Amino acid sequence: MGLDQFAYAVDKDNNKTELAYWRKHPNLQGWMENLWNSKGRPFDESGKFNCVPVDLTKEDLDSLEQALDSNSLPETAGFFFGSNSDDMYRQQDVEFIAVARKALDSGLKVVYDSWW
């Protein structure tokens, strides 16, 4: 068990294409949970941010990019989350933002989801 995180693009027919996969990137999970909270969205039935998809906008990607540039992803811990992996995933995070922006520009929806 552990924290598995995904980002995917969704077309108008609800077909999904994976854009990124992370294994135990807890601070990204914390950032996405904060984003979800800021959008006033409900958690799952257990009250936890688990298996809760988050639609990402261009503005969200800009904010994520700023957080990466300033090394300000929130320190996040959880039993299944592992330790800080920001440095290990930095390049992948940057690549994800670029691919996600292209997907949005193509008219696709971009979604982040996780499971732990």
N, C-alpha and C. Protein backbone atom coordinates (compact mmCIF):
# COMPACT_ATOMS: atom_id res chain seq x y z
N MET A 1 0.84 -1.18 0.00
CA MET A 1 0.00 0.00 0.00
C MET A 1 0.88 1.24 0.00
N GLY A 2 0.31 2.29 -0.45
CA GLY A 2 1.01 3.56 -0.47
C GLY A 2 0.22 4.57 -1.25
N LEU A 3 0.76 5.74 -1.32
CA LEU A 3 0.12 6.84 -2.04
C LEU A 3 0.42 6.72 -3.53
N ASP A 4 -0.59 6.50 -4.34
CA ASP A 4 -0.48 6.49 -5.79
C ASP A 4 -1.26 7.68 -6.32
N GLN A 5 -0.62 8.44 -7.22
CA GLN A 5 -1.22 9.67 -7.72
C GLN A 5 -1.17 9.67 -9.24
N PHE A 6 -2.22 10.20 -9.84
CA PHE A 6 -2.36 10.18 -11.29
C PHE A 6 -2.86 11.53 -11.79
N ALA A 7 -2.48 11.86 -12.99
CA ALA A 7 -3.09 12.98 -13.69
C ALA A 7 -3.46 12.46 -15.07
N TYR A 8 -4.61 12.85 -15.53
CA TYR A 8 -5.05 12.38 -16.84
C TYR A 8 -5.85 13.46 -17.54
N ALA A 9 -5.90 13.33 -18.87
CA ALA A 9 -6.72 14.21 -19.70
C ALA A 9 -7.99 13.46 -20.05
N VAL A 10 -9.09 14.18 -20.14
CA VAL A 10 -10.38 13.59 -20.46
C VAL A 10 -10.95 14.31 -21.67
N ASP A 11 -11.34 13.54 -22.70
CA ASP A 11 -11.92 14.17 -23.89
C ASP A 11 -13.44 14.26 -23.75
N LYS A 12 -14.09 14.79 -24.77
CA LYS A 12 -15.54 15.01 -24.69
C LYS A 12 -16.34 13.72 -24.59
N ASP A 13 -15.73 12.58 -24.99
CA ASP A 13 -16.40 11.29 -24.88
C ASP A 13 -16.05 10.56 -23.59
N ASN A 14 -15.38 11.26 -22.68
CA ASN A 14 -14.98 10.73 -21.38
C ASN A 14 -13.86 9.69 -21.46
N ASN A 15 -13.10 9.70 -22.56
CA ASN A 15 -11.93 8.84 -22.67
C ASN A 15 -10.78 9.49 -21.91
N LYS A 16 -10.04 8.67 -21.15
CA LYS A 16 -8.96 9.19 -20.32
C LYS A 16 -7.60 8.80 -20.91
N THR A 17 -6.67 9.75 -20.86
CA THR A 17 -5.28 9.51 -21.26
C THR A 17 -4.39 9.94 -20.11
N GLU A 18 -3.57 9.02 -19.62
CA GLU A 18 -2.69 9.35 -18.49
C GLU A 18 -1.65 10.38 -18.90
N LEU A 19 -1.50 11.40 -18.07
CA LEU A 19 -0.49 12.43 -18.28
C LEU A 19 0.70 12.27 -17.34
N ALA A 20 0.45 11.75 -16.15
CA ALA A 20 1.53 11.59 -15.17
C ALA A 20 1.11 10.58 -14.11
N TYR A 21 2.11 9.97 -13.52
CA TYR A 21 1.90 9.05 -12.39
C TYR A 21 3.01 9.31 -11.39
N TRP A 22 2.63 9.43 -10.11
CA TRP A 22 3.58 9.60 -9.04
C TRP A 22 3.34 8.51 -8.00
N ARG A 23 4.39 8.06 -7.40
CA ARG A 23 4.30 7.08 -6.31
C ARG A 23 4.90 7.72 -5.07
N LYS A 24 4.05 8.08 -4.12
CA LYS A 24 4.48 8.67 -2.85
C LYS A 24 5.18 10.03 -3.05
N HIS A 25 4.41 10.99 -3.53
CA HIS A 25 4.85 12.39 -3.63
C HIS A 25 3.93 13.17 -2.68
N PRO A 26 4.18 13.05 -1.36
CA PRO A 26 3.23 13.56 -0.38
C PRO A 26 2.97 15.06 -0.45
N ASN A 27 3.99 15.85 -0.76
CA ASN A 27 3.78 17.29 -0.76
C ASN A 27 2.91 17.74 -1.94
N LEU A 28 2.98 17.02 -3.05
CA LEU A 28 2.06 17.29 -4.15
C LEU A 28 0.63 16.95 -3.71
N GLN A 29 0.49 15.85 -2.99
CA GLN A 29 -0.83 15.47 -2.47
C GLN A 29 -1.38 16.56 -1.55
N GLY A 30 -0.53 17.10 -0.69
CA GLY A 30 -0.96 18.17 0.19
C GLY A 30 -1.36 19.42 -0.57
N TRP A 31 -0.61 19.74 -1.63
CA TRP A 31 -0.94 20.91 -2.45
C TRP A 31 -2.30 20.70 -3.12
N MET A 32 -2.52 19.51 -3.66
CA MET A 32 -3.80 19.22 -4.32
C MET A 32 -4.95 19.23 -3.31
N GLU A 33 -4.71 18.74 -2.11
CA GLU A 33 -5.75 18.78 -1.08
C GLU A 33 -6.10 20.22 -0.73
N ASN A 34 -5.10 21.07 -0.60
CA ASN A 34 -5.35 22.49 -0.34
C ASN A 34 -6.14 23.13 -1.48
N LEU A 35 -5.80 22.76 -2.72
CA LEU A 35 -6.53 23.27 -3.88
C LEU A 35 -7.99 22.83 -3.80
N TRP A 36 -8.20 21.57 -3.53
CA TRP A 36 -9.56 21.03 -3.40
C TRP A 36 -10.35 21.79 -2.34
N ASN A 37 -9.70 22.01 -1.20
CA ASN A 37 -10.35 22.76 -0.12
C ASN A 37 -10.69 24.17 -0.57
N SER A 38 -9.78 24.81 -1.29
CA SER A 38 -10.02 26.20 -1.72
C SER A 38 -11.18 26.29 -2.71
N LYS A 39 -11.47 25.19 -3.38
CA LYS A 39 -12.60 25.15 -4.31
C LYS A 39 -13.90 24.79 -3.60
N GLY A 40 -13.80 24.54 -2.28
CA GLY A 40 -14.99 24.24 -1.49
C GLY A 40 -15.63 22.93 -1.83
N ARG A 41 -14.83 21.95 -2.19
CA ARG A 41 -15.36 20.66 -2.61
C ARG A 41 -15.37 19.66 -1.46
N PRO A 42 -16.29 18.71 -1.48
CA PRO A 42 -16.37 17.71 -0.41
C PRO A 42 -15.31 16.61 -0.58
N PHE A 43 -14.92 16.01 0.55
CA PHE A 43 -14.04 14.86 0.53
C PHE A 43 -14.86 13.60 0.24
N ASP A 44 -14.22 12.45 0.28
CA ASP A 44 -14.96 11.21 0.10
C ASP A 44 -15.81 10.94 1.34
N GLU A 45 -16.51 9.82 1.35
CA GLU A 45 -17.43 9.50 2.44
C GLU A 45 -16.74 9.44 3.80
N SER A 46 -15.44 9.11 3.81
CA SER A 46 -14.71 8.99 5.07
C SER A 46 -14.24 10.34 5.60
N GLY A 47 -14.41 11.39 4.81
CA GLY A 47 -13.94 12.70 5.22
C GLY A 47 -12.48 12.93 4.91
N LYS A 48 -11.89 12.06 4.12
CA LYS A 48 -10.47 12.15 3.77
C LYS A 48 -10.31 12.51 2.30
N PHE A 49 -9.17 13.10 1.99
CA PHE A 49 -8.83 13.41 0.60
C PHE A 49 -8.18 12.16 0.00
N ASN A 50 -9.04 11.23 -0.42
CA ASN A 50 -8.60 9.93 -0.94
C ASN A 50 -9.59 9.53 -2.03
N CYS A 51 -9.07 9.23 -3.21
CA CYS A 51 -9.92 8.89 -4.36
C CYS A 51 -10.87 10.05 -4.67
N VAL A 52 -10.34 11.25 -4.60
CA VAL A 52 -11.12 12.46 -4.85
C VAL A 52 -10.52 13.17 -6.06
N PRO A 53 -11.16 13.08 -7.23
CA PRO A 53 -10.61 13.75 -8.42
C PRO A 53 -10.72 15.28 -8.32
N VAL A 54 -9.68 15.94 -8.81
CA VAL A 54 -9.62 17.39 -8.80
C VAL A 54 -9.41 17.87 -10.24
N ASP A 55 -10.36 18.64 -10.76
CA ASP A 55 -10.19 19.24 -12.08
C ASP A 55 -9.19 20.39 -11.96
N LEU A 56 -8.23 20.43 -12.87
CA LEU A 56 -7.20 21.46 -12.85
C LEU A 56 -7.42 22.46 -13.99
N THR A 57 -7.31 23.72 -13.66
CA THR A 57 -7.43 24.80 -14.64
C THR A 57 -6.03 25.34 -14.98
N LYS A 58 -5.98 26.22 -15.96
CA LYS A 58 -4.70 26.87 -16.29
C LYS A 58 -4.19 27.64 -15.08
N GLU A 59 -5.09 28.30 -14.35
CA GLU A 59 -4.69 29.06 -13.17
C GLU A 59 -4.14 28.13 -12.09
N ASP A 60 -4.74 26.96 -11.94
CA ASP A 60 -4.23 25.99 -10.97
C ASP A 60 -2.81 25.56 -11.34
N LEU A 61 -2.59 25.31 -12.63
CA LEU A 61 -1.25 24.91 -13.08
C LEU A 61 -0.25 26.03 -12.87
N ASP A 62 -0.67 27.27 -13.09
CA ASP A 62 0.21 28.41 -12.82
C ASP A 62 0.58 28.46 -11.34
N SER A 63 -0.39 28.24 -10.48
CA SER A 63 -0.14 28.25 -9.03
C SER A 63 0.78 27.10 -8.62
N LEU A 64 0.57 25.94 -9.22
CA LEU A 64 1.44 24.80 -8.93
C LEU A 64 2.87 25.10 -9.38
N GLU A 65 3.00 25.69 -10.54
CA GLU A 65 4.32 26.05 -11.04
C GLU A 65 5.01 27.03 -10.09
N GLN A 66 4.27 28.00 -9.60
CA GLN A 66 4.83 28.97 -8.65
C GLN A 66 5.27 28.27 -7.37
N ALA A 67 4.47 27.34 -6.89
CA ALA A 67 4.83 26.59 -5.68
C ALA A 67 6.11 25.78 -5.90
N LEU A 68 6.23 25.18 -7.07
CA LEU A 68 7.45 24.42 -7.38
C LEU A 68 8.66 25.35 -7.47
N ASP A 69 8.48 26.48 -8.15
CA ASP A 69 9.60 27.42 -8.32
C ASP A 69 10.08 27.99 -6.99
N SER A 70 9.17 28.15 -6.06
CA SER A 70 9.54 28.73 -4.76
C SER A 70 9.75 27.66 -3.68
N ASN A 71 9.76 26.39 -4.11
CA ASN A 71 9.93 25.28 -3.15
C ASN A 71 8.94 25.38 -2.00
N SER A 72 7.68 25.67 -2.34
CA SER A 72 6.70 25.87 -1.28
C SER A 72 5.52 24.89 -1.33
N LEU A 73 5.76 23.68 -1.85
CA LEU A 73 4.72 22.67 -1.68
C LEU A 73 4.61 22.42 -0.18
N PRO A 74 3.40 22.26 0.33
CA PRO A 74 3.24 22.12 1.78
C PRO A 74 3.77 20.78 2.29
N GLU A 75 4.51 20.82 3.36
CA GLU A 75 5.00 19.59 3.99
C GLU A 75 3.79 18.76 4.40
N THR A 76 3.69 17.55 3.86
CA THR A 76 2.52 16.72 4.06
C THR A 76 2.95 15.32 4.49
N ALA A 77 2.28 14.79 5.48
CA ALA A 77 2.61 13.46 5.98
C ALA A 77 1.34 12.62 6.07
N GLY A 78 1.52 11.34 5.93
CA GLY A 78 0.44 10.39 6.08
C GLY A 78 1.04 9.01 6.23
N PHE A 79 0.34 8.12 6.84
CA PHE A 79 0.88 6.78 7.12
C PHE A 79 1.40 6.10 5.86
N PHE A 80 0.71 6.25 4.74
CA PHE A 80 1.08 5.57 3.51
C PHE A 80 1.81 6.48 2.52
N PHE A 81 2.17 7.70 2.94
CA PHE A 81 2.63 8.72 2.00
C PHE A 81 4.12 8.68 1.69
N GLY A 82 4.94 8.10 2.53
CA GLY A 82 6.38 8.15 2.33
C GLY A 82 6.93 9.50 2.79
N SER A 83 8.18 9.75 2.43
CA SER A 83 8.83 10.98 2.87
C SER A 83 8.88 12.00 1.73
N ASN A 84 9.35 13.19 2.06
CA ASN A 84 9.45 14.27 1.08
C ASN A 84 10.18 13.78 -0.17
N SER A 85 9.55 13.90 -1.32
CA SER A 85 10.16 13.47 -2.58
C SER A 85 10.15 14.60 -3.61
N ASP A 86 10.08 15.84 -3.13
CA ASP A 86 10.01 17.00 -4.04
C ASP A 86 11.17 17.03 -5.02
N ASP A 87 12.39 16.82 -4.53
CA ASP A 87 13.56 16.88 -5.41
C ASP A 87 13.52 15.75 -6.44
N MET A 88 13.13 14.58 -6.01
CA MET A 88 13.08 13.43 -6.92
C MET A 88 12.08 13.65 -8.06
N TYR A 89 10.96 14.31 -7.76
CA TYR A 89 9.90 14.49 -8.75
C TYR A 89 9.91 15.86 -9.43
N ARG A 90 10.86 16.72 -9.08
CA ARG A 90 10.83 18.09 -9.61
C ARG A 90 10.72 18.13 -11.14
N GLN A 91 11.57 17.41 -11.84
CA GLN A 91 11.54 17.45 -13.31
C GLN A 91 10.23 16.88 -13.85
N GLN A 92 9.76 15.81 -13.26
CA GLN A 92 8.49 15.22 -13.69
C GLN A 92 7.34 16.19 -13.45
N ASP A 93 7.36 16.91 -12.35
CA ASP A 93 6.32 17.89 -12.07
C ASP A 93 6.30 18.99 -13.13
N VAL A 94 7.48 19.47 -13.50
CA VAL A 94 7.60 20.51 -14.53
C VAL A 94 7.07 19.98 -15.86
N GLU A 95 7.44 18.76 -16.21
CA GLU A 95 6.97 18.15 -17.45
C GLU A 95 5.46 17.95 -17.43
N PHE A 96 4.93 17.55 -16.28
CA PHE A 96 3.48 17.38 -16.17
C PHE A 96 2.77 18.70 -16.44
N ILE A 97 3.24 19.77 -15.85
CA ILE A 97 2.59 21.07 -16.06
C ILE A 97 2.58 21.44 -17.54
N ALA A 98 3.67 21.21 -18.23
CA ALA A 98 3.74 21.53 -19.67
C ALA A 98 2.74 20.68 -20.47
N VAL A 99 2.69 19.39 -20.19
CA VAL A 99 1.77 18.49 -20.90
C VAL A 99 0.33 18.82 -20.56
N ALA A 100 0.06 19.15 -19.31
CA ALA A 100 -1.30 19.49 -18.89
C ALA A 100 -1.78 20.77 -19.55
N ARG A 101 -0.88 21.74 -19.67
CA ARG A 101 -1.26 22.98 -20.37
C ARG A 101 -1.62 22.70 -21.83
N LYS A 102 -0.86 21.85 -22.48
CA LYS A 102 -1.16 21.49 -23.88
C LYS A 102 -2.51 20.80 -23.97
N ALA A 103 -2.79 19.94 -23.02
CA ALA A 103 -4.08 19.24 -23.02
C ALA A 103 -5.22 20.23 -22.86
N LEU A 104 -5.09 21.16 -21.94
CA LEU A 104 -6.13 22.18 -21.75
C LEU A 104 -6.28 23.03 -23.01
N ASP A 105 -5.16 23.40 -23.63
CA ASP A 105 -5.21 24.19 -24.86
C ASP A 105 -5.90 23.43 -26.00
N SER A 106 -5.87 22.10 -25.92
CA SER A 106 -6.52 21.27 -26.94
C SER A 106 -7.99 21.02 -26.64
N GLY A 107 -8.48 21.62 -25.56
CA GLY A 107 -9.89 21.46 -25.22
C GLY A 107 -10.19 20.28 -24.32
N LEU A 108 -9.16 19.64 -23.79
CA LEU A 108 -9.37 18.51 -22.89
C LEU A 108 -9.48 19.00 -21.45
N LYS A 109 -10.07 18.17 -20.62
CA LYS A 109 -10.13 18.45 -19.19
C LYS A 109 -8.92 17.74 -18.56
N VAL A 110 -8.31 18.35 -17.55
CA VAL A 110 -7.17 17.75 -16.85
C VAL A 110 -7.60 17.48 -15.42
N VAL A 111 -7.33 16.27 -14.96
CA VAL A 111 -7.79 15.82 -13.65
C VAL A 111 -6.62 15.19 -12.88
N TYR A 112 -6.55 15.50 -11.59
CA TYR A 112 -5.62 14.85 -10.67
C TYR A 112 -6.45 13.94 -9.77
N ASP A 113 -5.92 12.75 -9.48
CA ASP A 113 -6.61 11.83 -8.58
C ASP A 113 -5.54 11.06 -7.81
N SER A 114 -5.93 10.49 -6.70
CA SER A 114 -4.99 9.73 -5.90
C SER A 114 -5.71 8.64 -5.13
N TRP A 115 -4.91 7.71 -4.66
CA TRP A 115 -5.44 6.59 -3.88
C TRP A 115 -4.38 6.17 -2.87
N TRP A 116 -4.79 5.97 -1.65
CA TRP A 116 -3.87 5.46 -0.64
C TRP A 116 -4.59 4.55 0.33
